[in-house]
Amino acid sequence: MGQVLYGECVRSGEAMAVRILDLARIGCAVETDACAMDLEGELTVWIGAMGPFAATATRSDDRHHALLFAQPLDDQIVHHFAPDGA
């Protein structure tokens, strides 16, 4: 696992703080502290103060989701947050 980033997922007007793992141009994994909100489906994600980025979330388990970005992130964004590669 690479660097852990902090962000926020927004769906249906509700926001949830998330930890962003394995950031890549096409997607990432997100981890939550609780299942307070259903993240599965279309949403937007903020990575730090950058965003919003449109994405689709698929549940992996109660606290983890895989996100696929609607448009690949620019290489410079990925490099900014994950300079060691992705």
PDB file of N, CA and C in Angstrom:
ATOM      1  N   MET A   1       0.857  -1.177   0.000  1.00  0.00           N
ATOM      2  CA  MET A   1       0.000   0.000   0.000  1.00  0.00           C
ATOM      3  C   MET A   1       0.894   1.227   0.000  1.00  0.00           C
ATOM      4  N   GLY A   2       0.512   2.229  -0.779  1.00  0.00           N
ATOM      5  CA  GLY A   2       1.275   3.464  -0.887  1.00  0.00           C
ATOM      6  C   GLY A   2       0.842   4.474   0.148  1.00  0.00           C
ATOM      7  N   GLN A   3       1.056   5.718  -0.190  1.00  0.00           N
ATOM      8  CA  GLN A   3       0.730   6.837   0.683  1.00  0.00           C
ATOM      9  C   GLN A   3      -0.775   6.925   0.924  1.00  0.00           C
ATOM     10  N   VAL A   4      -1.159   7.269   2.149  1.00  0.00           N
ATOM     11  CA  VAL A   4      -2.569   7.483   2.484  1.00  0.00           C
ATOM     12  C   VAL A   4      -2.854   8.969   2.351  1.00  0.00           C
ATOM     13  N   LEU A   5      -3.887   9.289   1.575  1.00  0.00           N
ATOM     14  CA  LEU A   5      -4.316  10.677   1.378  1.00  0.00           C
ATOM     15  C   LEU A   5      -5.678  10.850   2.033  1.00  0.00           C
ATOM     16  N   TYR A   6      -6.010  12.077   2.356  1.00  0.00           N
ATOM     17  CA  TYR A   6      -7.307  12.349   2.970  1.00  0.00           C
ATOM     18  C   TYR A   6      -8.166  13.127   1.999  1.00  0.00           C
ATOM     19  N   GLY A   7      -9.437  12.764   1.945  1.00  0.00           N
ATOM     20  CA  GLY A   7     -10.342  13.420   1.028  1.00  0.00           C
ATOM     21  C   GLY A   7     -11.777  13.287   1.486  1.00  0.00           C
ATOM     22  N   GLU A   8     -12.673  13.507   0.532  1.00  0.00           N
ATOM     23  CA  GLU A   8     -14.106  13.495   0.834  1.00  0.00           C
ATOM     24  C   GLU A   8     -14.854  12.987  -0.386  1.00  0.00           C
ATOM     25  N   CYS A   9     -15.809  12.105  -0.161  1.00  0.00           N
ATOM     26  CA  CYS A   9     -16.717  11.653  -1.211  1.00  0.00           C
ATOM     27  C   CYS A   9     -18.064  12.315  -0.991  1.00  0.00           C
ATOM     28  N   VAL A  10     -18.674  12.787  -2.075  1.00  0.00           N
ATOM     29  CA  VAL A  10     -19.971  13.455  -1.998  1.00  0.00           C
ATOM     30  C   VAL A  10     -20.934  12.709  -2.905  1.00  0.00           C
ATOM     31  N   ARG A  11     -22.076  12.303  -2.331  1.00  0.00           N
ATOM     32  CA  ARG A  11     -23.108  11.583  -3.083  1.00  0.00           C
ATOM     33  C   ARG A  11     -24.467  12.038  -2.581  1.00  0.00           C
ATOM     34  N   SER A  12     -25.329  12.394  -3.510  1.00  0.00           N
ATOM     35  CA  SER A  12     -26.691  12.837  -3.167  1.00  0.00           C
ATOM     36  C   SER A  12     -26.682  13.953  -2.131  1.00  0.00           C
ATOM     37  N   GLY A  13     -25.713  14.873  -2.249  1.00  0.00           N
ATOM     38  CA  GLY A  13     -25.653  16.013  -1.348  1.00  0.00           C
ATOM     39  C   GLY A  13     -25.044  15.733   0.013  1.00  0.00           C
ATOM     40  N   GLU A  14     -24.697  14.475   0.292  1.00  0.00           N
ATOM     41  CA  GLU A  14     -24.075  14.120   1.561  1.00  0.00           C
ATOM     42  C   GLU A  14     -22.590  13.893   1.351  1.00  0.00           C
ATOM     43  N   ALA A  15     -21.782  14.307   2.317  1.00  0.00           N
ATOM     44  CA  ALA A  15     -20.334  14.160   2.227  1.00  0.00           C
ATOM     45  C   ALA A  15     -19.831  13.218   3.318  1.00  0.00           C
ATOM     46  N   MET A  16     -18.778  12.456   2.980  1.00  0.00           N
ATOM     47  CA  MET A  16     -18.150  11.566   3.947  1.00  0.00           C
ATOM     48  C   MET A  16     -16.639  11.662   3.809  1.00  0.00           C
ATOM     49  N   ALA A  17     -15.963  11.844   4.932  1.00  0.00           N
ATOM     50  CA  ALA A  17     -14.497  11.853   4.933  1.00  0.00           C
ATOM     51  C   ALA A  17     -13.997  10.450   4.612  1.00  0.00           C
ATOM     52  N   VAL A  18     -12.966  10.379   3.786  1.00  0.00           N
ATOM     53  CA  VAL A  18     -12.388   9.095   3.391  1.00  0.00           C
ATOM     54  C   VAL A  18     -10.866   9.179   3.408  1.00  0.00           C
ATOM     55  N   ARG A  19     -10.252   8.018   3.482  1.00  0.00           N
ATOM     56  CA  ARG A  19      -8.819   7.886   3.264  1.00  0.00           C
ATOM     57  C   ARG A  19      -8.650   7.308   1.868  1.00  0.00           C
ATOM     58  N   ILE A  20      -7.804   7.923   1.071  1.00  0.00           N
ATOM     59  CA  ILE A  20      -7.601   7.523  -0.321  1.00  0.00           C
ATOM     60  C   ILE A  20      -6.309   6.723  -0.400  1.00  0.00           C
ATOM     61  N   LEU A  21      -6.431   5.533  -0.979  1.00  0.00           N
ATOM     62  CA  LEU A  21      -5.300   4.613  -1.084  1.00  0.00           C
ATOM     63  C   LEU A  21      -5.041   4.299  -2.555  1.00  0.00           C
ATOM     64  N   ASP A  22      -3.800   4.020  -2.886  1.00  0.00           N
ATOM     65  CA  ASP A  22      -3.433   3.533  -4.221  1.00  0.00           C
ATOM     66  C   ASP A  22      -3.930   4.444  -5.340  1.00  0.00           C
ATOM     67  N   LEU A  23      -3.687   5.738  -5.221  1.00  0.00           N
ATOM     68  CA  LEU A  23      -4.132   6.694  -6.234  1.00  0.00           C
ATOM     69  C   LEU A  23      -3.436   6.429  -7.564  1.00  0.00           C
ATOM     70  N   ALA A  24      -4.224   6.356  -8.621  1.00  0.00           N
ATOM     71  CA  ALA A  24      -3.727   6.185  -9.986  1.00  0.00           C
ATOM     72  C   ALA A  24      -4.569   7.060 -10.907  1.00  0.00           C
ATOM     73  N   ARG A  25      -4.158   7.199 -12.171  1.00  0.00           N
ATOM     74  CA  ARG A  25      -4.891   8.044 -13.113  1.00  0.00           C
ATOM     75  C   ARG A  25      -6.337   7.593 -13.284  1.00  0.00           C
ATOM     76  N   ILE A  26      -6.582   6.290 -13.295  1.00  0.00           N
ATOM     77  CA  ILE A  26      -7.926   5.792 -13.604  1.00  0.00           C
ATOM     78  C   ILE A  26      -8.798   5.549 -12.376  1.00  0.00           C
ATOM     79  N   GLY A  27      -8.196   5.545 -11.186  1.00  0.00           N
ATOM     80  CA  GLY A  27      -9.007   5.296 -10.009  1.00  0.00           C
ATOM     81  C   GLY A  27      -8.177   5.181  -8.753  1.00  0.00           C
ATOM     82  N   CYS A  28      -8.831   4.738  -7.687  1.00  0.00           N
ATOM     83  CA  CYS A  28      -8.177   4.576  -6.394  1.00  0.00           C
ATOM     84  C   CYS A  28      -9.070   3.708  -5.514  1.00  0.00           C
ATOM     85  N   ALA A  29      -8.578   3.434  -4.334  1.00  0.00           N
ATOM     86  CA  ALA A  29      -9.388   2.773  -3.312  1.00  0.00           C
ATOM     87  C   ALA A  29      -9.677   3.808  -2.238  1.00  0.00           C
ATOM     88  N   VAL A  30     -10.835   3.706  -1.602  1.00  0.00           N
ATOM     89  CA  VAL A  30     -11.138   4.576  -0.477  1.00  0.00           C
ATOM     90  C   VAL A  30     -11.550   3.733   0.720  1.00  0.00           C
ATOM     91  N   GLU A  31     -11.214   4.244   1.902  1.00  0.00           N
ATOM     92  CA  GLU A  31     -11.527   3.578   3.158  1.00  0.00           C
ATOM     93  C   GLU A  31     -12.269   4.575   4.037  1.00  0.00           C
ATOM     94  N   THR A  32     -13.307   4.098   4.696  1.00  0.00           N
ATOM     95  CA  THR A  32     -14.086   4.939   5.607  1.00  0.00           C
ATOM     96  C   THR A  32     -14.002   4.381   7.020  1.00  0.00           C
ATOM     97  N   ASP A  33     -14.367   5.203   7.998  1.00  0.00           N
ATOM     98  CA  ASP A  33     -14.400   4.732   9.381  1.00  0.00           C
ATOM     99  C   ASP A  33     -15.686   3.991   9.697  1.00  0.00           C
ATOM    100  N   ALA A  34     -16.730   4.277   8.956  1.00  0.00           N
ATOM    101  CA  ALA A  34     -18.032   3.681   9.252  1.00  0.00           C
ATOM    102  C   ALA A  34     -18.873   3.623   7.990  1.00  0.00           C
ATOM    103  N   CYS A  35     -19.932   2.870   8.053  1.00  0.00           N
ATOM    104  CA  CYS A  35     -20.869   2.743   6.933  1.00  0.00           C
ATOM    105  C   CYS A  35     -22.021   3.714   7.078  1.00  0.00           C
ATOM    106  N   ALA A  36     -21.750   4.925   7.463  1.00  0.00           N
ATOM    107  CA  ALA A  36     -22.818   5.883   7.706  1.00  0.00           C
ATOM    108  C   ALA A  36     -23.538   6.282   6.419  1.00  0.00           C
ATOM    109  N   MET A  37     -22.880   6.122   5.281  1.00  0.00           N
ATOM    110  CA  MET A  37     -23.456   6.570   4.018  1.00  0.00           C
ATOM    111  C   MET A  37     -23.122   5.541   2.957  1.00  0.00           C
ATOM    112  N   ASP A  38     -24.068   5.251   2.095  1.00  0.00           N
ATOM    113  CA  ASP A  38     -23.827   4.324   0.996  1.00  0.00           C
ATOM    114  C   ASP A  38     -23.075   5.056  -0.110  1.00  0.00           C
ATOM    115  N   LEU A  39     -21.826   4.692  -0.328  1.00  0.00           N
ATOM    116  CA  LEU A  39     -21.014   5.353  -1.353  1.00  0.00           C
ATOM    117  C   LEU A  39     -21.158   4.699  -2.721  1.00  0.00           C
ATOM    118  N   GLU A  40     -21.748   3.525  -2.796  1.00  0.00           N
ATOM    119  CA  GLU A  40     -21.787   2.793  -4.056  1.00  0.00           C
ATOM    120  C   GLU A  40     -22.566   3.552  -5.121  1.00  0.00           C
ATOM    121  N   GLY A  41     -21.988   3.652  -6.318  1.00  0.00           N
ATOM    122  CA  GLY A  41     -22.627   4.329  -7.438  1.00  0.00           C
ATOM    123  C   GLY A  41     -21.876   5.587  -7.835  1.00  0.00           C
ATOM    124  N   GLU A  42     -22.577   6.502  -8.511  1.00  0.00           N
ATOM    125  CA  GLU A  42     -21.982   7.746  -9.007  1.00  0.00           C
ATOM    126  C   GLU A  42     -21.778   8.724  -7.854  1.00  0.00           C
ATOM    127  N   LEU A  43     -20.604   9.369  -7.816  1.00  0.00           N
ATOM    128  CA  LEU A  43     -20.306  10.342  -6.776  1.00  0.00           C
ATOM    129  C   LEU A  43     -19.193  11.263  -7.263  1.00  0.00           C
ATOM    130  N   THR A  44     -18.848  12.221  -6.433  1.00  0.00           N
ATOM    131  CA  THR A  44     -17.667  13.036  -6.697  1.00  0.00           C
ATOM    132  C   THR A  44     -16.717  12.858  -5.520  1.00  0.00           C
ATOM    133  N   VAL A  45     -15.434  13.010  -5.820  1.00  0.00           N
ATOM    134  CA  VAL A  45     -14.418  12.849  -4.785  1.00  0.00           C
ATOM    135  C   VAL A  45     -13.490  14.054  -4.805  1.00  0.00           C
ATOM    136  N   TRP A  46     -13.139  14.495  -3.610  1.00  0.00           N
ATOM    137  CA  TRP A  46     -12.136  15.533  -3.414  1.00  0.00           C
ATOM    138  C   TRP A  46     -10.904  14.846  -2.870  1.00  0.00           C
ATOM    139  N   ILE A  47      -9.762  15.147  -3.456  1.00  0.00           N
ATOM    140  CA  ILE A  47      -8.479  14.622  -2.988  1.00  0.00           C
ATOM    141  C   ILE A  47      -7.763  15.810  -2.363  1.00  0.00           C
ATOM    142  N   GLY A  48      -7.696  15.826  -1.051  1.00  0.00           N
ATOM    143  CA  GLY A  48      -7.222  17.029  -0.381  1.00  0.00           C
ATOM    144  C   GLY A  48      -8.152  18.168  -0.764  1.00  0.00           C
ATOM    145  N   ALA A  49      -7.594  19.261  -1.273  1.00  0.00           N
ATOM    146  CA  ALA A  49      -8.405  20.395  -1.704  1.00  0.00           C
ATOM    147  C   ALA A  49      -8.649  20.389  -3.210  1.00  0.00           C
ATOM    148  N   MET A  50      -8.261  19.320  -3.903  1.00  0.00           N
ATOM    149  CA  MET A  50      -8.445  19.245  -5.357  1.00  0.00           C
ATOM    150  C   MET A  50      -9.703  18.454  -5.689  1.00  0.00           C
ATOM    151  N   GLY A  51     -10.476  18.988  -6.607  1.00  0.00           N
ATOM    152  CA  GLY A  51     -11.687  18.315  -7.027  1.00  0.00           C
ATOM    153  C   GLY A  51     -12.740  19.345  -7.367  1.00  0.00           C
ATOM    154  N   PRO A  52     -13.940  18.912  -7.561  1.00  0.00           N
ATOM    155  CA  PRO A  52     -14.395  17.532  -7.456  1.00  0.00           C
ATOM    156  C   PRO A  52     -14.079  16.737  -8.732  1.00  0.00           C
ATOM    157  N   PHE A  53     -13.856  15.447  -8.556  1.00  0.00           N
ATOM    158  CA  PHE A  53     -13.639  14.521  -9.665  1.00  0.00           C
ATOM    159  C   PHE A  53     -14.793  13.531  -9.683  1.00  0.00           C
ATOM    160  N   ALA A  54     -15.446  13.393 -10.827  1.00  0.00           N
ATOM    161  CA  ALA A  54     -16.550  12.437 -10.964  1.00  0.00           C
ATOM    162  C   ALA A  54     -15.991  11.024 -10.964  1.00  0.00           C
ATOM    163  N   ALA A  55     -16.695  10.123 -10.276  1.00  0.00           N
ATOM    164  CA  ALA A  55     -16.238   8.740 -10.176  1.00  0.00           C
ATOM    165  C   ALA A  55     -17.428   7.814  -9.939  1.00  0.00           C
ATOM    166  N   THR A  56     -17.174   6.531 -10.114  1.00  0.00           N
ATOM    167  CA  THR A  56     -18.146   5.491  -9.787  1.00  0.00           C
ATOM    168  C   THR A  56     -17.514   4.606  -8.721  1.00  0.00           C
ATOM    169  N   ALA A  57     -18.246   4.372  -7.648  1.00  0.00           N
ATOM    170  CA  ALA A  57     -17.738   3.570  -6.531  1.00  0.00           C
ATOM    171  C   ALA A  57     -18.388   2.198  -6.520  1.00  0.00           C
ATOM    172  N   THR A  58     -17.564   1.193  -6.247  1.00  0.00           N
ATOM    173  CA  THR A  58     -18.026  -0.177  -6.082  1.00  0.00           C
ATOM    174  C   THR A  58     -17.563  -0.661  -4.717  1.00  0.00           C
ATOM    175  N   ARG A  59     -18.491  -1.216  -3.947  1.00  0.00           N
ATOM    176  CA  ARG A  59     -18.171  -1.657  -2.581  1.00  0.00           C
ATOM    177  C   ARG A  59     -17.279  -2.896  -2.616  1.00  0.00           C
ATOM    178  N   SER A  60     -16.212  -2.859  -1.818  1.00  0.00           N
ATOM    179  CA  SER A  60     -15.352  -4.030  -1.632  1.00  0.00           C
ATOM    180  C   SER A  60     -15.745  -4.768  -0.352  1.00  0.00           C
ATOM    181  N   ASP A  61     -15.975  -4.009   0.717  1.00  0.00           N
ATOM    182  CA  ASP A  61     -16.488  -4.549   1.975  1.00  0.00           C
ATOM    183  C   ASP A  61     -17.113  -3.376   2.743  1.00  0.00           C
ATOM    184  N   ASP A  62     -17.419  -3.550   4.006  1.00  0.00           N
ATOM    185  CA  ASP A  62     -18.133  -2.515   4.761  1.00  0.00           C
ATOM    186  C   ASP A  62     -17.412  -1.173   4.818  1.00  0.00           C
ATOM    187  N   ARG A  63     -16.083  -1.174   4.768  1.00  0.00           N
ATOM    188  CA  ARG A  63     -15.322   0.073   4.911  1.00  0.00           C
ATOM    189  C   ARG A  63     -14.505   0.452   3.691  1.00  0.00           C
ATOM    190  N   HIS A  64     -14.504  -0.373   2.643  1.00  0.00           N
ATOM    191  CA  HIS A  64     -13.650  -0.130   1.485  1.00  0.00           C
ATOM    192  C   HIS A  64     -14.448  -0.112   0.181  1.00  0.00           C
ATOM    193  N   HIS A  65     -14.073   0.824  -0.696  1.00  0.00           N
ATOM    194  CA  HIS A  65     -14.678   0.924  -2.026  1.00  0.00           C
ATOM    195  C   HIS A  65     -13.576   1.124  -3.058  1.00  0.00           C
ATOM    196  N   ALA A  66     -13.825   0.659  -4.253  1.00  0.00           N
ATOM    197  CA  ALA A  66     -12.946   0.940  -5.391  1.00  0.00           C
ATOM    198  C   ALA A  66     -13.608   2.057  -6.180  1.00  0.00           C
ATOM    199  N   LEU A  67     -12.851   3.086  -6.539  1.00  0.00           N
ATOM    200  CA  LEU A  67     -13.358   4.214  -7.325  1.00  0.00           C
ATOM    201  C   LEU A  67     -12.732   4.182  -8.711  1.00  0.00           C
ATOM    202  N   LEU A  68     -13.556   4.372  -9.714  1.00  0.00           N
ATOM    203  CA  LEU A  68     -13.113   4.501 -11.100  1.00  0.00           C
ATOM    204  C   LEU A  68     -13.489   5.910 -11.545  1.00  0.00           C
ATOM    205  N   PHE A  69     -12.487   6.717 -11.895  1.00  0.00           N
ATOM    206  CA  PHE A  69     -12.754   8.094 -12.303  1.00  0.00           C
ATOM    207  C   PHE A  69     -13.443   8.130 -13.665  1.00  0.00           C
ATOM    208  N   ALA A  70     -14.372   9.072 -13.846  1.00  0.00           N
ATOM    209  CA  ALA A  70     -15.070   9.231 -15.120  1.00  0.00           C
ATOM    210  C   ALA A  70     -14.091   9.629 -16.229  1.00  0.00           C
ATOM    211  N   GLN A  71     -13.110  10.432 -15.881  1.00  0.00           N
ATOM    212  CA  GLN A  71     -12.027  10.842 -16.786  1.00  0.00           C
ATOM    213  C   GLN A  71     -10.709  10.591 -16.053  1.00  0.00           C
ATOM    214  N   PRO A  72      -9.709  10.051 -16.734  1.00  0.00           N
ATOM    215  CA  PRO A  72      -8.428   9.838 -16.046  1.00  0.00           C
ATOM    216  C   PRO A  72      -7.878  11.157 -15.492  1.00  0.00           C
ATOM    217  N   LEU A  73      -7.267  11.065 -14.322  1.00  0.00           N
ATOM    218  CA  LEU A  73      -6.631  12.241 -13.738  1.00  0.00           C
ATOM    219  C   LEU A  73      -5.400  12.609 -14.562  1.00  0.00           C
ATOM    220  N   ASP A  74      -5.094  13.876 -14.591  1.00  0.00           N
ATOM    221  CA  ASP A  74      -3.880  14.346 -15.242  1.00  0.00           C
ATOM    222  C   ASP A  74      -2.674  13.760 -14.512  1.00  0.00           C
ATOM    223  N   ASP A  75      -1.623  13.427 -15.252  1.00  0.00           N
ATOM    224  CA  ASP A  75      -0.406  12.869 -14.652  1.00  0.00           C
ATOM    225  C   ASP A  75       0.152  13.773 -13.551  1.00  0.00           C
ATOM    226  N   GLN A  76       0.043  15.081 -13.731  1.00  0.00           N
ATOM    227  CA  GLN A  76       0.592  16.014 -12.745  1.00  0.00           C
ATOM    228  C   GLN A  76      -0.146  15.929 -11.413  1.00  0.00           C
ATOM    229  N   ILE A  77      -1.442  15.658 -11.447  1.00  0.00           N
ATOM    230  CA  ILE A  77      -2.208  15.505 -10.207  1.00  0.00           C
ATOM    231  C   ILE A  77      -1.738  14.256  -9.473  1.00  0.00           C
ATOM    232  N   VAL A  78      -1.643  13.156 -10.193  1.00  0.00           N
ATOM    233  CA  VAL A  78      -1.194  11.909  -9.567  1.00  0.00           C
ATOM    234  C   VAL A  78       0.213  12.095  -9.007  1.00  0.00           C
ATOM    235  N   HIS A  79       1.094  12.700  -9.773  1.00  0.00           N
ATOM    236  CA  HIS A  79       2.473  12.892  -9.324  1.00  0.00           C
ATOM    237  C   HIS A  79       2.531  13.808  -8.101  1.00  0.00           C
ATOM    238  N   HIS A  80       1.669  14.802  -8.047  1.00  0.00           N
ATOM    239  CA  HIS A  80       1.625  15.706  -6.889  1.00  0.00           C
ATOM    240  C   HIS A  80       1.347  14.934  -5.596  1.00  0.00           C
ATOM    241  N   PHE A  81       0.373  14.024  -5.662  1.00  0.00           N
ATOM    242  CA  PHE A  81      -0.031  13.291  -4.469  1.00  0.00           C
ATOM    243  C   PHE A  81       0.757  11.997  -4.256  1.00  0.00           C
ATOM    244  N   ALA A  82       1.243  11.406  -5.333  1.00  0.00           N
ATOM    245  CA  ALA A  82       1.950  10.127  -5.236  1.00  0.00           C
ATOM    246  C   ALA A  82       3.235  10.194  -6.065  1.00  0.00           C
ATOM    247  N   PRO A  83       4.198  10.994  -5.615  1.00  0.00           N
ATOM    248  CA  PRO A  83       5.387  11.231  -6.430  1.00  0.00           C
ATOM    249  C   PRO A  83       6.239   9.984  -6.697  1.00  0.00           C
ATOM    250  N   ASP A  84       5.991   8.926  -5.931  1.00  0.00           N
ATOM    251  CA  ASP A  84       6.781   7.715  -6.132  1.00  0.00           C
ATOM    252  C   ASP A  84       6.194   6.800  -7.180  1.00  0.00           C
ATOM    253  N   GLY A  85       5.212   7.240  -7.793  1.00  0.00           N
ATOM    254  CA  GLY A  85       4.728   6.496  -8.898  1.00  0.00           C
ATOM    255  C   GLY A  85       3.351   6.140  -9.118  1.00  0.00           C
ATOM    256  N   ALA A  86       2.545   5.642  -9.412  1.00  0.00           N
ATOM    257  CA  ALA A  86       1.222   5.251  -9.794  1.00  0.00           C
ATOM    258  C   ALA A  86       1.049   5.513 -11.232  1.00  0.00           C
TER     259      ALA A  86
END
